[in-house]
PDB file of N, CA and C in Angstrom:
ATOM      1  N   MET A   1      14.449  -0.388  74.724  1.00  0.00           N
ATOM      2  CA  MET A   1      14.052   0.911  75.234  1.00  0.00           C
ATOM      3  C   MET A   1      14.654   1.986  74.327  1.00  0.00           C
ATOM      4  N   LEU A   2      13.843   2.963  73.978  1.00  0.00           N
ATOM      5  CA  LEU A   2      14.296   4.044  73.114  1.00  0.00           C
ATOM      6  C   LEU A   2      14.870   5.185  73.937  1.00  0.00           C
ATOM      7  N   PRO A   3      15.908   5.861  73.430  1.00  0.00           N
ATOM      8  CA  PRO A   3      16.418   7.035  74.123  1.00  0.00           C
ATOM      9  C   PRO A   3      15.318   8.081  74.260  1.00  0.00           C
ATOM     10  N   THR A   4      15.433   8.934  75.278  1.00  0.00           N
ATOM     11  CA  THR A   4      14.448   9.981  75.520  1.00  0.00           C
ATOM     12  C   THR A   4      14.289  10.830  74.266  1.00  0.00           C
ATOM     13  N   GLY A   5      13.031  11.056  73.896  1.00  0.00           N
ATOM     14  CA  GLY A   5      12.733  11.901  72.738  1.00  0.00           C
ATOM     15  C   GLY A   5      12.733  11.157  71.424  1.00  0.00           C
ATOM     16  N   GLU A   6      13.095   9.860  71.414  1.00  0.00           N
ATOM     17  CA  GLU A   6      13.108   9.077  70.186  1.00  0.00           C
ATOM     18  C   GLU A   6      11.756   8.416  69.984  1.00  0.00           C
ATOM     19  N   SER A   7      11.272   8.443  68.794  1.00  0.00           N
ATOM     20  CA  SER A   7      10.013   7.763  68.480  1.00  0.00           C
ATOM     21  C   SER A   7      10.328   6.376  67.928  1.00  0.00           C
ATOM     22  N   SER A   8       9.307   5.561  67.813  1.00  0.00           N
ATOM     23  CA  SER A   8       9.525   4.236  67.240  1.00  0.00           C
ATOM     24  C   SER A   8       9.959   4.345  65.780  1.00  0.00           C
ATOM     25  N   ASN A   9       9.534   5.407  65.084  1.00  0.00           N
ATOM     26  CA  ASN A   9       9.983   5.610  63.704  1.00  0.00           C
ATOM     27  C   ASN A   9      11.476   5.847  63.652  1.00  0.00           C
ATOM     28  N   SER A  10      12.001   6.597  64.620  1.00  0.00           N
ATOM     29  CA  SER A  10      13.438   6.842  64.671  1.00  0.00           C
ATOM     30  C   SER A  10      14.182   5.546  64.925  1.00  0.00           C
ATOM     31  N   ALA A  11      13.633   4.708  65.795  1.00  0.00           N
ATOM     32  CA  ALA A  11      14.263   3.420  66.068  1.00  0.00           C
ATOM     33  C   ALA A  11      14.280   2.566  64.808  1.00  0.00           C
ATOM     34  N   SER A  12      13.192   2.582  64.059  1.00  0.00           N
ATOM     35  CA  SER A  12      13.135   1.828  62.814  1.00  0.00           C
ATOM     36  C   SER A  12      14.173   2.349  61.827  1.00  0.00           C
ATOM     37  N   ALA A  13      14.322   3.652  61.772  1.00  0.00           N
ATOM     38  CA  ALA A  13      15.304   4.252  60.870  1.00  0.00           C
ATOM     39  C   ALA A  13      16.713   3.824  61.258  1.00  0.00           C
ATOM     40  N   LEU A  14      16.998   3.766  62.548  1.00  0.00           N
ATOM     41  CA  LEU A  14      18.317   3.324  62.999  1.00  0.00           C
ATOM     42  C   LEU A  14      18.569   1.875  62.614  1.00  0.00           C
ATOM     43  N   LEU A  15      17.587   1.023  62.794  1.00  0.00           N
ATOM     44  CA  LEU A  15      17.741  -0.373  62.411  1.00  0.00           C
ATOM     45  C   LEU A  15      17.948  -0.499  60.915  1.00  0.00           C
ATOM     46  N   TYR A  16      17.230   0.284  60.134  1.00  0.00           N
ATOM     47  CA  TYR A  16      17.371   0.257  58.680  1.00  0.00           C
ATOM     48  C   TYR A  16      18.779   0.663  58.275  1.00  0.00           C
ATOM     49  N   ARG A  17      19.268   1.761  58.862  1.00  0.00           N
ATOM     50  CA  ARG A  17      20.621   2.226  58.528  1.00  0.00           C
ATOM     51  C   ARG A  17      21.660   1.194  58.908  1.00  0.00           C
ATOM     52  N   ALA A  18      21.463   0.515  60.023  1.00  0.00           N
ATOM     53  CA  ALA A  18      22.436  -0.471  60.487  1.00  0.00           C
ATOM     54  C   ALA A  18      22.533  -1.648  59.520  1.00  0.00           C
ATOM     55  N   SER A  19      21.462  -1.931  58.805  1.00  0.00           N
ATOM     56  CA  SER A  19      21.478  -3.078  57.909  1.00  0.00           C
ATOM     57  C   SER A  19      21.882  -2.712  56.475  1.00  0.00           C
ATOM     58  N   MET A  20      22.169  -1.451  56.220  1.00  0.00           N
ATOM     59  CA  MET A  20      22.515  -1.032  54.865  1.00  0.00           C
ATOM     60  C   MET A  20      23.898  -1.543  54.474  1.00  0.00           C
ATOM     61  N   VAL A  21      24.096  -1.682  53.190  1.00  0.00           N
ATOM     62  CA  VAL A  21      25.350  -2.181  52.649  1.00  0.00           C
ATOM     63  C   VAL A  21      26.415  -1.090  52.718  1.00  0.00           C
ATOM     64  N   THR A  22      27.615  -1.471  53.135  1.00  0.00           N
ATOM     65  CA  THR A  22      28.727  -0.520  53.168  1.00  0.00           C
ATOM     66  C   THR A  22      29.370  -0.437  51.787  1.00  0.00           C
ATOM     67  N   LYS A  23      30.252   0.525  51.610  1.00  0.00           N
ATOM     68  CA  LYS A  23      30.962   0.675  50.346  1.00  0.00           C
ATOM     69  C   LYS A  23      31.761  -0.594  50.037  1.00  0.00           C
ATOM     70  N   ALA A  24      32.437  -1.145  51.043  1.00  0.00           N
ATOM     71  CA  ALA A  24      33.215  -2.377  50.845  1.00  0.00           C
ATOM     72  C   ALA A  24      32.308  -3.537  50.463  1.00  0.00           C
ATOM     73  N   ASP A  25      31.128  -3.620  51.095  1.00  0.00           N
ATOM     74  CA  ASP A  25      30.169  -4.672  50.746  1.00  0.00           C
ATOM     75  C   ASP A  25      29.732  -4.520  49.294  1.00  0.00           C
ATOM     76  N   GLY A  26      29.432  -3.302  48.891  1.00  0.00           N
ATOM     77  CA  GLY A  26      28.991  -3.049  47.521  1.00  0.00           C
ATOM     78  C   GLY A  26      30.057  -3.440  46.511  1.00  0.00           C
ATOM     79  N   ARG A  27      31.302  -3.132  46.813  1.00  0.00           N
ATOM     80  CA  ARG A  27      32.396  -3.522  45.927  1.00  0.00           C
ATOM     81  C   ARG A  27      32.486  -5.042  45.812  1.00  0.00           C
ATOM     82  N   ALA A  28      32.354  -5.723  46.945  1.00  0.00           N
ATOM     83  CA  ALA A  28      32.451  -7.189  46.956  1.00  0.00           C
ATOM     84  C   ALA A  28      31.285  -7.825  46.189  1.00  0.00           C
ATOM     85  N   ILE A  29      30.088  -7.280  46.366  1.00  0.00           N
ATOM     86  CA  ILE A  29      28.909  -7.801  45.654  1.00  0.00           C
ATOM     87  C   ILE A  29      29.099  -7.650  44.150  1.00  0.00           C
ATOM     88  N   LEU A  30      29.507  -6.464  43.725  1.00  0.00           N
ATOM     89  CA  LEU A  30      29.720  -6.219  42.298  1.00  0.00           C
ATOM     90  C   LEU A  30      30.792  -7.158  41.755  1.00  0.00           C
ATOM     91  N   ALA A  31      31.895  -7.293  42.461  1.00  0.00           N
ATOM     92  CA  ALA A  31      32.989  -8.167  42.005  1.00  0.00           C
ATOM     93  C   ALA A  31      32.503  -9.607  41.861  1.00  0.00           C
ATOM     94  N   THR A  32      31.753 -10.082  42.842  1.00  0.00           N
ATOM     95  CA  THR A  32      31.226 -11.449  42.802  1.00  0.00           C
ATOM     96  C   THR A  32      30.300 -11.638  41.610  1.00  0.00           C
ATOM     97  N   ASN A  33      29.391 -10.694  41.410  1.00  0.00           N
ATOM     98  CA  ASN A  33      28.420 -10.818  40.321  1.00  0.00           C
ATOM     99  C   ASN A  33      29.079 -10.697  38.947  1.00  0.00           C
ATOM    100  N   LEU A  34      30.014  -9.775  38.803  1.00  0.00           N
ATOM    101  CA  LEU A  34      30.725  -9.647  37.523  1.00  0.00           C
ATOM    102  C   LEU A  34      31.481 -10.933  37.204  1.00  0.00           C
ATOM    103  N   THR A  35      32.198 -11.440  38.194  1.00  0.00           N
ATOM    104  CA  THR A  35      32.990 -12.648  37.994  1.00  0.00           C
ATOM    105  C   THR A  35      32.097 -13.830  37.615  1.00  0.00           C
ATOM    106  N   ALA A  36      30.972 -13.977  38.309  1.00  0.00           N
ATOM    107  CA  ALA A  36      30.058 -15.089  38.030  1.00  0.00           C
ATOM    108  C   ALA A  36      29.458 -14.988  36.629  1.00  0.00           C
ATOM    109  N   LEU A  37      29.048 -13.786  36.237  1.00  0.00           N
ATOM    110  CA  LEU A  37      28.457 -13.610  34.908  1.00  0.00           C
ATOM    111  C   LEU A  37      29.492 -13.837  33.796  1.00  0.00           C
ATOM    112  N   MET A  38      30.701 -13.344  34.014  1.00  0.00           N
ATOM    113  CA  MET A  38      31.754 -13.560  33.024  1.00  0.00           C
ATOM    114  C   MET A  38      32.066 -15.055  32.895  1.00  0.00           C
ATOM    115  N   LYS A  39      32.159 -15.743  34.015  1.00  0.00           N
ATOM    116  CA  LYS A  39      32.440 -17.179  33.994  1.00  0.00           C
ATOM    117  C   LYS A  39      31.322 -17.932  33.278  1.00  0.00           C
ATOM    118  N   ARG A  40      30.085 -17.563  33.573  1.00  0.00           N
ATOM    119  CA  ARG A  40      28.930 -18.231  32.958  1.00  0.00           C
ATOM    120  C   ARG A  40      28.977 -18.134  31.438  1.00  0.00           C
ATOM    121  N   ARG A  41      29.440 -16.994  30.931  1.00  0.00           N
ATOM    122  CA  ARG A  41      29.496 -16.781  29.478  1.00  0.00           C
ATOM    123  C   ARG A  41      30.823 -17.195  28.857  1.00  0.00           C
ATOM    124  N   GLY A  42      31.792 -17.523  29.702  1.00  0.00           N
ATOM    125  CA  GLY A  42      33.115 -17.864  29.184  1.00  0.00           C
ATOM    126  C   GLY A  42      33.884 -16.638  28.714  1.00  0.00           C
ATOM    127  N   TRP A  43      33.565 -15.484  29.302  1.00  0.00           N
ATOM    128  CA  TRP A  43      34.210 -14.231  28.911  1.00  0.00           C
ATOM    129  C   TRP A  43      35.450 -13.964  29.755  1.00  0.00           C
ATOM    130  N   ARG A  44      36.412 -13.347  29.111  1.00  0.00           N
ATOM    131  CA  ARG A  44      37.567 -12.765  29.811  1.00  0.00           C
ATOM    132  C   ARG A  44      37.263 -11.281  30.012  1.00  0.00           C
ATOM    133  N   GLN A  45      38.097 -10.618  30.759  1.00  0.00           N
ATOM    134  CA  GLN A  45      37.901  -9.185  30.979  1.00  0.00           C
ATOM    135  C   GLN A  45      37.934  -8.431  29.663  1.00  0.00           C
ATOM    136  N   GLU A  46      38.752  -8.883  28.743  1.00  0.00           N
ATOM    137  CA  GLU A  46      38.840  -8.230  27.434  1.00  0.00           C
ATOM    138  C   GLU A  46      37.528  -8.358  26.657  1.00  0.00           C
ATOM    139  N   ASP A  47      36.846  -9.488  26.828  1.00  0.00           N
ATOM    140  CA  ASP A  47      35.551  -9.677  26.173  1.00  0.00           C
ATOM    141  C   ASP A  47      34.523  -8.701  26.736  1.00  0.00           C
ATOM    142  N   LEU A  48      34.525  -8.554  28.059  1.00  0.00           N
ATOM    143  CA  LEU A  48      33.594  -7.611  28.690  1.00  0.00           C
ATOM    144  C   LEU A  48      33.923  -6.186  28.267  1.00  0.00           C
ATOM    145  N   GLU A  49      35.206  -5.884  28.118  1.00  0.00           N
ATOM    146  CA  GLU A  49      35.611  -4.562  27.632  1.00  0.00           C
ATOM    147  C   GLU A  49      35.007  -4.301  26.248  1.00  0.00           C
ATOM    148  N   ALA A  50      35.117  -5.264  25.367  1.00  0.00           N
ATOM    149  CA  ALA A  50      34.618  -5.098  24.001  1.00  0.00           C
ATOM    150  C   ALA A  50      33.103  -4.915  23.976  1.00  0.00           C
ATOM    151  N   LYS A  51      32.395  -5.597  24.859  1.00  0.00           N
ATOM    152  CA  LYS A  51      30.932  -5.540  24.856  1.00  0.00           C
ATOM    153  C   LYS A  51      30.371  -4.352  25.634  1.00  0.00           C
ATOM    154  N   SER A  52      31.139  -3.836  26.606  1.00  0.00           N
ATOM    155  CA  SER A  52      30.627  -2.765  27.463  1.00  0.00           C
ATOM    156  C   SER A  52      31.221  -1.394  27.151  1.00  0.00           C
ATOM    157  N   GLY A  53      32.391  -1.382  26.530  1.00  0.00           N
ATOM    158  CA  GLY A  53      33.085  -0.110  26.322  1.00  0.00           C
ATOM    159  C   GLY A  53      33.849   0.355  27.552  1.00  0.00           C
ATOM    160  N   ILE A  54      33.855  -0.454  28.603  1.00  0.00           N
ATOM    161  CA  ILE A  54      34.593  -0.137  29.836  1.00  0.00           C
ATOM    162  C   ILE A  54      35.978  -0.760  29.703  1.00  0.00           C
ATOM    163  N   SER A  55      37.025  -0.015  30.019  1.00  0.00           N
ATOM    164  CA  SER A  55      38.375  -0.531  29.829  1.00  0.00           C
ATOM    165  C   SER A  55      38.638  -1.767  30.684  1.00  0.00           C
ATOM    166  N   GLN A  56      39.471  -2.659  30.143  1.00  0.00           N
ATOM    167  CA  GLN A  56      39.839  -3.883  30.862  1.00  0.00           C
ATOM    168  C   GLN A  56      40.514  -3.535  32.182  1.00  0.00           C
ATOM    169  N   THR A  57      41.305  -2.479  32.205  1.00  0.00           N
ATOM    170  CA  THR A  57      41.978  -2.064  33.433  1.00  0.00           C
ATOM    171  C   THR A  57      40.959  -1.684  34.503  1.00  0.00           C
ATOM    172  N   TYR A  58      39.928  -0.954  34.108  1.00  0.00           N
ATOM    173  CA  TYR A  58      38.893  -0.545  35.067  1.00  0.00           C
ATOM    174  C   TYR A  58      38.078  -1.753  35.528  1.00  0.00           C
ATOM    175  N   ILE A  59      37.766  -2.654  34.596  1.00  0.00           N
ATOM    176  CA  ILE A  59      37.056  -3.883  34.959  1.00  0.00           C
ATOM    177  C   ILE A  59      37.873  -4.664  35.969  1.00  0.00           C
ATOM    178  N   SER A  60      39.163  -4.754  35.754  1.00  0.00           N
ATOM    179  CA  SER A  60      40.045  -5.453  36.682  1.00  0.00           C
ATOM    180  C   SER A  60      40.008  -4.810  38.068  1.00  0.00           C
ATOM    181  N   ARG A  61      40.010  -3.490  38.103  1.00  0.00           N
ATOM    182  CA  ARG A  61      39.942  -2.778  39.392  1.00  0.00           C
ATOM    183  C   ARG A  61      38.606  -3.044  40.086  1.00  0.00           C
ATOM    184  N   LEU A  62      37.524  -3.143  39.330  1.00  0.00           N
ATOM    185  CA  LEU A  62      36.224  -3.463  39.918  1.00  0.00           C
ATOM    186  C   LEU A  62      36.234  -4.877  40.505  1.00  0.00           C
ATOM    187  N   ILE A  63      36.795  -5.808  39.770  1.00  0.00           N
ATOM    188  CA  ILE A  63      36.838  -7.199  40.230  1.00  0.00           C
ATOM    189  C   ILE A  63      37.753  -7.352  41.444  1.00  0.00           C
ATOM    190  N   ARG A  64      38.803  -6.553  41.504  1.00  0.00           N
ATOM    191  CA  ARG A  64      39.702  -6.592  42.675  1.00  0.00           C
ATOM    192  C   ARG A  64      39.209  -5.712  43.818  1.00  0.00           C
ATOM    193  N   LYS A  65      38.013  -5.131  43.647  1.00  0.00           N
ATOM    194  CA  LYS A  65      37.360  -4.297  44.676  1.00  0.00           C
ATOM    195  C   LYS A  65      38.171  -3.040  45.004  1.00  0.00           C
ATOM    196  N   GLN A  66      38.779  -2.459  43.981  1.00  0.00           N
ATOM    197  CA  GLN A  66      39.608  -1.277  44.167  1.00  0.00           C
ATOM    198  C   GLN A  66      38.968   0.001  43.639  1.00  0.00           C
ATOM    199  N   SER A  67      37.833  -0.113  42.981  1.00  0.00           N
ATOM    200  CA  SER A  67      37.155   1.067  42.424  1.00  0.00           C
ATOM    201  C   SER A  67      35.661   0.990  42.685  1.00  0.00           C
ATOM    202  N   ASP A  68      35.064   2.168  42.725  1.00  0.00           N
ATOM    203  CA  ASP A  68      33.618   2.277  42.846  1.00  0.00           C
ATOM    204  C   ASP A  68      33.070   2.699  41.483  1.00  0.00           C
ATOM    205  N   PRO A  69      32.101   1.966  40.969  1.00  0.00           N
ATOM    206  CA  PRO A  69      31.572   2.303  39.645  1.00  0.00           C
ATOM    207  C   PRO A  69      30.623   3.493  39.706  1.00  0.00           C
ATOM    208  N   THR A  70      30.578   4.221  38.620  1.00  0.00           N
ATOM    209  CA  THR A  70      29.561   5.254  38.482  1.00  0.00           C
ATOM    210  C   THR A  70      28.277   4.573  38.013  1.00  0.00           C
ATOM    211  N   ILE A  71      27.198   5.299  38.036  1.00  0.00           N
ATOM    212  CA  ILE A  71      25.936   4.761  37.528  1.00  0.00           C
ATOM    213  C   ILE A  71      26.087   4.421  36.050  1.00  0.00           C
ATOM    214  N   ARG A  72      26.761   5.259  35.313  1.00  0.00           N
ATOM    215  CA  ARG A  72      26.971   5.014  33.876  1.00  0.00           C
ATOM    216  C   ARG A  72      27.723   3.703  33.646  1.00  0.00           C
ATOM    217  N   VAL A  73      28.752   3.437  34.457  1.00  0.00           N
ATOM    218  CA  VAL A  73      29.508   2.192  34.336  1.00  0.00           C
ATOM    219  C   VAL A  73      28.611   0.996  34.624  1.00  0.00           C
ATOM    220  N   LEU A  74      27.803   1.083  35.692  1.00  0.00           N
ATOM    221  CA  LEU A  74      26.866  -0.002  35.993  1.00  0.00           C
ATOM    222  C   LEU A  74      25.909  -0.242  34.828  1.00  0.00           C
ATOM    223  N   GLU A  75      25.403   0.844  34.249  1.00  0.00           N
ATOM    224  CA  GLU A  75      24.490   0.712  33.109  1.00  0.00           C
ATOM    225  C   GLU A  75      25.176   0.040  31.928  1.00  0.00           C
ATOM    226  N   ASP A  76      26.406   0.446  31.634  1.00  0.00           N
ATOM    227  CA  ASP A  76      27.140  -0.130  30.503  1.00  0.00           C
ATOM    228  C   ASP A  76      27.466  -1.605  30.740  1.00  0.00           C
ATOM    229  N   LEU A  77      27.862  -1.950  31.964  1.00  0.00           N
ATOM    230  CA  LEU A  77      28.146  -3.352  32.287  1.00  0.00           C
ATOM    231  C   LEU A  77      26.865  -4.179  32.199  1.00  0.00           C
ATOM    232  N   GLY A  78      25.788  -3.655  32.770  1.00  0.00           N
ATOM    233  CA  GLY A  78      24.519  -4.362  32.705  1.00  0.00           C
ATOM    234  C   GLY A  78      24.075  -4.586  31.270  1.00  0.00           C
ATOM    235  N   GLN A  79      24.198  -3.559  30.453  1.00  0.00           N
ATOM    236  CA  GLN A  79      23.806  -3.674  29.046  1.00  0.00           C
ATOM    237  C   GLN A  79      24.613  -4.768  28.344  1.00  0.00           C
ATOM    238  N   ALA A  80      25.891  -4.867  28.670  1.00  0.00           N
ATOM    239  CA  ALA A  80      26.728  -5.911  28.072  1.00  0.00           C
ATOM    240  C   ALA A  80      26.193  -7.305  28.409  1.00  0.00           C
ATOM    241  N   PHE A  81      25.649  -7.453  29.615  1.00  0.00           N
ATOM    242  CA  PHE A  81      25.103  -8.740  30.039  1.00  0.00           C
ATOM    243  C   PHE A  81      23.615  -8.897  29.700  1.00  0.00           C
ATOM    244  N   GLY A  82      22.998  -7.826  29.236  1.00  0.00           N
ATOM    245  CA  GLY A  82      21.578  -7.883  28.898  1.00  0.00           C
ATOM    246  C   GLY A  82      20.663  -7.786  30.103  1.00  0.00           C
ATOM    247  N   ILE A  83      21.149  -7.149  31.163  1.00  0.00           N
ATOM    248  CA  ILE A  83      20.359  -6.954  32.381  1.00  0.00           C
ATOM    249  C   ILE A  83      20.494  -5.501  32.823  1.00  0.00           C
ATOM    250  N   PRO A  84      19.563  -4.989  33.633  1.00  0.00           N
ATOM    251  CA  PRO A  84      19.750  -3.635  34.164  1.00  0.00           C
ATOM    252  C   PRO A  84      20.994  -3.596  35.062  1.00  0.00           C
ATOM    253  N   GLY A  85      21.735  -2.508  34.996  1.00  0.00           N
ATOM    254  CA  GLY A  85      22.965  -2.390  35.773  1.00  0.00           C
ATOM    255  C   GLY A  85      22.774  -2.538  37.269  1.00  0.00           C
ATOM    256  N   TRP A  86      21.654  -2.060  37.798  1.00  0.00           N
ATOM    257  CA  TRP A  86      21.428  -2.124  39.235  1.00  0.00           C
ATOM    258  C   TRP A  86      21.354  -3.557  39.743  1.00  0.00           C
ATOM    259  N   VAL A  87      21.021  -4.495  38.873  1.00  0.00           N
ATOM    260  CA  VAL A  87      20.951  -5.905  39.269  1.00  0.00           C
ATOM    261  C   VAL A  87      22.332  -6.413  39.697  1.00  0.00           C
ATOM    262  N   LEU A  88      23.382  -5.824  39.158  1.00  0.00           N
ATOM    263  CA  LEU A  88      24.748  -6.230  39.516  1.00  0.00           C
ATOM    264  C   LEU A  88      25.078  -5.960  40.981  1.00  0.00           C
ATOM    265  N   LEU A  89      24.269  -5.167  41.658  1.00  0.00           N
ATOM    266  CA  LEU A  89      24.523  -4.820  43.057  1.00  0.00           C
ATOM    267  C   LEU A  89      23.655  -5.605  44.037  1.00  0.00           C
ATOM    268  N   ILE A  90      22.941  -6.598  43.559  1.00  0.00           N
ATOM    269  CA  ILE A  90      22.093  -7.405  44.438  1.00  0.00           C
ATOM    270  C   ILE A  90      22.922  -8.553  44.997  1.00  0.00           C
ATOM    271  N   PRO A  91      23.000  -8.660  46.330  1.00  0.00           N
ATOM    272  CA  PRO A  91      23.821  -9.717  46.930  1.00  0.00           C
ATOM    273  C   PRO A  91      23.117 -11.070  46.961  1.00  0.00           C
ATOM    274  N   ASN A  92      23.918 -12.113  46.995  1.00  0.00           N
ATOM    275  CA  ASN A  92      23.457 -13.480  47.256  1.00  0.00           C
ATOM    276  C   ASN A  92      22.361 -13.969  46.314  1.00  0.00           C
ATOM    277  N   VAL A  93      22.498 -13.652  45.039  1.00  0.00           N
ATOM    278  CA  VAL A  93      21.525 -14.108  44.041  1.00  0.00           C
ATOM    279  C   VAL A  93      22.183 -15.225  43.237  1.00  0.00           C
ATOM    280  N   ASN A  94      21.460 -16.326  43.042  1.00  0.00           N
ATOM    281  CA  ASN A  94      22.065 -17.396  42.235  1.00  0.00           C
ATOM    282  C   ASN A  94      22.235 -16.901  40.803  1.00  0.00           C
ATOM    283  N   ILE A  95      23.196 -17.481  40.132  1.00  0.00           N
ATOM    284  CA  ILE A  95      23.598 -16.981  38.825  1.00  0.00           C
ATOM    285  C   ILE A  95      22.482 -17.071  37.787  1.00  0.00           C
ATOM    286  N   GLU A  96      21.646 -18.096  37.863  1.00  0.00           N
ATOM    287  CA  GLU A  96      20.559 -18.215  36.894  1.00  0.00           C
ATOM    288  C   GLU A  96      19.564 -17.063  37.032  1.00  0.00           C
ATOM    289  N   THR A  97      19.264 -16.687  38.270  1.00  0.00           N
ATOM    290  CA  THR A  97      18.348 -15.573  38.514  1.00  0.00           C
ATOM    291  C   THR A  97      18.999 -14.252  38.133  1.00  0.00           C
ATOM    292  N   LEU A  98      20.271 -14.091  38.505  1.00  0.00           N
ATOM    293  CA  LEU A  98      21.005 -12.867  38.178  1.00  0.00           C
ATOM    294  C   LEU A  98      21.064 -12.660  36.666  1.00  0.00           C
ATOM    295  N   ASP A  99      21.222 -13.745  35.945  1.00  0.00           N
ATOM    296  CA  ASP A  99      21.414 -13.690  34.502  1.00  0.00           C
ATOM    297  C   ASP A  99      20.097 -13.827  33.741  1.00  0.00           C
ATOM    298  N   SER A 100      19.029 -13.345  34.321  1.00  0.00           N
ATOM    299  CA  SER A 100      17.726 -13.432  33.660  1.00  0.00           C
ATOM    300  C   SER A 100      16.982 -12.108  33.844  1.00  0.00           C
ATOM    301  N   ARG A 101      15.805 -12.057  33.302  1.00  0.00           N
ATOM    302  CA  ARG A 101      14.960 -10.867  33.472  1.00  0.00           C
ATOM    303  C   ARG A 101      14.022 -11.048  34.666  1.00  0.00           C
ATOM    304  N   ALA A 102      14.245 -12.078  35.492  1.00  0.00           N
ATOM    305  CA  ALA A 102      13.337 -12.385  36.604  1.00  0.00           C
ATOM    306  C   ALA A 102      13.290 -11.261  37.639  1.00  0.00           C
ATOM    307  N   ILE A 103      14.422 -10.707  38.004  1.00  0.00           N
ATOM    308  CA  ILE A 103      14.439  -9.676  39.042  1.00  0.00           C
ATOM    309  C   ILE A 103      13.742  -8.404  38.553  1.00  0.00           C
ATOM    310  N   PRO A 104      14.095  -7.876  37.383  1.00  0.00           N
ATOM    311  CA  PRO A 104      13.361  -6.695  36.900  1.00  0.00           C
ATOM    312  C   PRO A 104      11.871  -6.955  36.730  1.00  0.00           C
ATOM    313  N   ALA A 105      11.502  -8.164  36.286  1.00  0.00           N
ATOM    314  CA  ALA A 105      10.082  -8.491  36.122  1.00  0.00           C
ATOM    315  C   ALA A 105       9.376  -8.505  37.470  1.00  0.00           C
ATOM    316  N   LEU A 106      10.038  -9.024  38.490  1.00  0.00           N
ATOM    317  CA  LEU A 106       9.462  -9.047  39.831  1.00  0.00           C
ATOM    318  C   LEU A 106       9.248  -7.630  40.356  1.00  0.00           C
ATOM    319  N   ILE A 107      10.225  -6.763  40.159  1.00  0.00           N
ATOM    320  CA  ILE A 107      10.100  -5.360  40.594  1.00  0.00           C
ATOM    321  C   ILE A 107       8.966  -4.677  39.852  1.00  0.00           C
ATOM    322  N   GLU A 108       8.867  -4.918  38.557  1.00  0.00           N
ATOM    323  CA  GLU A 108       7.789  -4.335  37.740  1.00  0.00           C
ATOM    324  C   GLU A 108       6.423  -4.787  38.251  1.00  0.00           C
ATOM    325  N   THR A 109       6.290  -6.078  38.524  1.00  0.00           N
ATOM    326  CA  THR A 109       5.021  -6.622  39.033  1.00  0.00           C
ATOM    327  C   THR A 109       4.673  -6.006  40.378  1.00  0.00           C
ATOM    328  N   PHE A 110       5.660  -5.911  41.261  1.00  0.00           N
ATOM    329  CA  PHE A 110       5.443  -5.322  42.575  1.00  0.00           C
ATOM    330  C   PHE A 110       5.030  -3.857  42.443  1.00  0.00           C
ATOM    331  N   SER A 111       5.705  -3.128  41.576  1.00  0.00           N
ATOM    332  CA  SER A 111       5.396  -1.707  41.384  1.00  0.00           C
ATOM    333  C   SER A 111       3.960  -1.506  40.904  1.00  0.00           C
ATOM    334  N   ARG A 112       3.541  -2.341  39.965  1.00  0.00           N
ATOM    335  CA  ARG A 112       2.163  -2.236  39.471  1.00  0.00           C
ATOM    336  C   ARG A 112       1.155  -2.582  40.563  1.00  0.00           C
ATOM    337  N   ALA A 113       1.455  -3.604  41.354  1.00  0.00           N
ATOM    338  CA  ALA A 113       0.540  -4.009  42.416  1.00  0.00           C
ATOM    339  C   ALA A 113       0.468  -2.966  43.536  1.00  0.00           C
ATOM    340  N   ALA A 114       1.584  -2.270  43.775  1.00  0.00           N
ATOM    341  CA  ALA A 114       1.621  -1.277  44.843  1.00  0.00           C
ATOM    342  C   ALA A 114       1.132   0.101  44.403  1.00  0.00           C
ATOM    343  N   ALA A 115       0.968   0.307  43.121  1.00  0.00           N
ATOM    344  CA  ALA A 115       0.541   1.618  42.609  1.00  0.00           C
ATOM    345  C   ALA A 115      -0.890   1.910  43.061  1.00  0.00           C
ATOM    346  N   PRO A 116      -1.129   3.152  43.471  1.00  0.00           N
ATOM    347  CA  PRO A 116      -2.497   3.508  43.874  1.00  0.00           C
ATOM    348  C   PRO A 116      -3.440   3.436  42.679  1.00  0.00           C
ATOM    349  N   THR A 117      -4.619   2.986  42.923  1.00  0.00           N
ATOM    350  CA  THR A 117      -5.625   2.938  41.859  1.00  0.00           C
ATOM    351  C   THR A 117      -6.446   4.220  41.909  1.00  0.00           C
ATOM    352  N   SER A 118      -6.887   4.643  40.755  1.00  0.00           N
ATOM    353  CA  SER A 118      -7.673   5.882  40.726  1.00  0.00           C
ATOM    354  C   SER A 118      -9.132   5.619  40.559  1.00  0.00           C
TER     355      SER A 118
END
């Protein structure tokens, strides 16, 4: 039952907000994905520093879930791994998919299919 004056759209919006990722969740997702990608490549934090231009100290803080990255940091980290930075924030993705162009390709395909035709 919806509160008085609430529409079904408002209820949908509430459900959507309730399922959104929290700041702590985002930190944990990034830490998990960074750690998995570094392990897959055999990289240490110093290696990621050299490839991304992000300091090892800051990388360590990201992995320990003590810092929130800027968009620029995500872009630089993603570039070091050869993937878009936003992919680093996707939860529960197996490492092979995370470390490929599959996710961006899927989004591109979906975007083209959803685009209005003229």
